[in-house]
C-alpha atoms as a PDB file:
ATOM      1  CA  UNK A   1     -98.881  10.407 -91.890  1.00  0.00           C
ATOM      2  CA  UNK A   2    -102.231   9.858 -91.203  1.00  0.00           C
ATOM      3  CA  UNK A   3    -101.864   7.016 -94.293  1.00  0.00           C
ATOM      4  CA  UNK A   4     -99.164   5.458 -92.687  1.00  0.00           C
ATOM      5  CA  UNK A   5    -100.984   5.117 -89.607  1.00  0.00           C
ATOM      6  CA  UNK A   6    -103.524   3.406 -91.303  1.00  0.00           C
ATOM      7  CA  UNK A   7    -101.314   1.034 -93.213  1.00  0.00           C
ATOM      8  CA  UNK A   8     -99.455   0.053 -90.023  1.00  0.00           C
ATOM      9  CA  UNK A   9    -102.374  -0.062 -87.675  1.00  0.00           C
ATOM     10  CA  UNK A  10    -105.161  -0.208 -89.681  1.00  0.00           C
ATOM     11  CA  UNK A  11    -107.119   2.781 -88.291  1.00  0.00           C
ATOM     12  CA  UNK A  12    -106.980   6.357 -89.101  1.00  0.00           C
ATOM     13  CA  UNK A  13    -106.107   9.026 -86.683  1.00  0.00           C
ATOM     14  CA  UNK A  14    -110.006  10.388 -87.014  1.00  0.00           C
ATOM     15  CA  UNK A  15    -111.286   7.194 -85.518  1.00  0.00           C
ATOM     16  CA  UNK A  16    -108.854   7.095 -82.606  1.00  0.00           C
ATOM     17  CA  UNK A  17    -111.078   9.812 -81.393  1.00  0.00           C
ATOM     18  CA  UNK A  18    -113.699   7.193 -80.803  1.00  0.00           C
ATOM     19  CA  UNK A  19    -112.034   4.844 -78.976  1.00  0.00           C
ATOM     20  CA  UNK A  20    -113.899   3.921 -76.180  1.00  0.00           C
ATOM     21  CA  UNK A  21    -111.354   4.527 -72.969  1.00  0.00           C
ATOM     22  CA  UNK A  22    -113.845   3.982 -70.338  1.00  0.00           C
ATOM     23  CA  UNK A  23    -114.259   0.358 -71.134  1.00  0.00           C
ATOM     24  CA  UNK A  24    -110.781  -0.373 -72.384  1.00  0.00           C
ATOM     25  CA  UNK A  25    -107.754  -2.575 -70.791  1.00  0.00           C
ATOM     26  CA  UNK A  26    -104.375  -0.696 -70.519  1.00  0.00           C
ATOM     27  CA  UNK A  27    -101.260  -1.803 -69.123  1.00  0.00           C
ATOM     28  CA  UNK A  28     -97.764  -0.229 -69.225  1.00  0.00           C
ATOM     29  CA  UNK A  29     -95.497  -1.494 -72.338  1.00  0.00           C
ATOM     30  CA  UNK A  30     -92.368  -2.137 -70.173  1.00  0.00           C
ATOM     31  CA  UNK A  31     -90.993  -4.932 -72.658  1.00  0.00           C
ATOM     32  CA  UNK A  32     -87.678  -2.194 -73.419  1.00  0.00           C
ATOM     33  CA  UNK A  33     -86.968   0.955 -72.402  1.00  0.00           C
ATOM     34  CA  UNK A  34     -88.460   3.543 -74.568  1.00  0.00           C
ATOM     35  CA  UNK A  35     -87.332   7.166 -72.565  1.00  0.00           C
ATOM     36  CA  UNK A  36     -91.307   7.664 -72.241  1.00  0.00           C
ATOM     37  CA  UNK A  37     -94.043   5.724 -70.631  1.00  0.00           C
ATOM     38  CA  UNK A  38     -96.081   4.014 -73.052  1.00  0.00           C
ATOM     39  CA  UNK A  39     -99.129   2.383 -72.643  1.00  0.00           C
ATOM     40  CA  UNK A  40    -100.842  -0.396 -74.509  1.00  0.00           C
ATOM     41  CA  UNK A  41    -104.764  -0.229 -74.714  1.00  0.00           C
ATOM     42  CA  UNK A  42    -107.451  -2.978 -76.166  1.00  0.00           C
ATOM     43  CA  UNK A  43    -110.834  -2.022 -76.551  1.00  0.00           C
ATOM     44  CA  UNK A  44    -113.278  -0.928 -79.142  1.00  0.00           C
ATOM     45  CA  UNK A  45    -114.055   1.630 -81.844  1.00  0.00           C
ATOM     46  CA  UNK A  46    -117.600   0.753 -82.166  1.00  0.00           C
ATOM     47  CA  UNK A  47    -118.001  -2.645 -82.745  1.00  0.00           C
ATOM     48  CA  UNK A  48    -114.345  -3.574 -83.513  1.00  0.00           C
ATOM     49  CA  UNK A  49    -111.297  -4.396 -81.274  1.00  0.00           C
ATOM     50  CA  UNK A  50    -108.190  -2.460 -81.277  1.00  0.00           C
ATOM     51  CA  UNK A  51    -105.115  -2.710 -79.467  1.00  0.00           C
END
């Protein structure tokens, strides 16, 4: 699953722990009904910007 995530999103799950939530921008993704609340975040892991 980790390899799949790396191919799809360009980041390993282990790196996601370093996501800087305290400085990120986030909003609810309500483009369609997912059956759950989904939040999109834009922020940094180290010096690299991720969504």
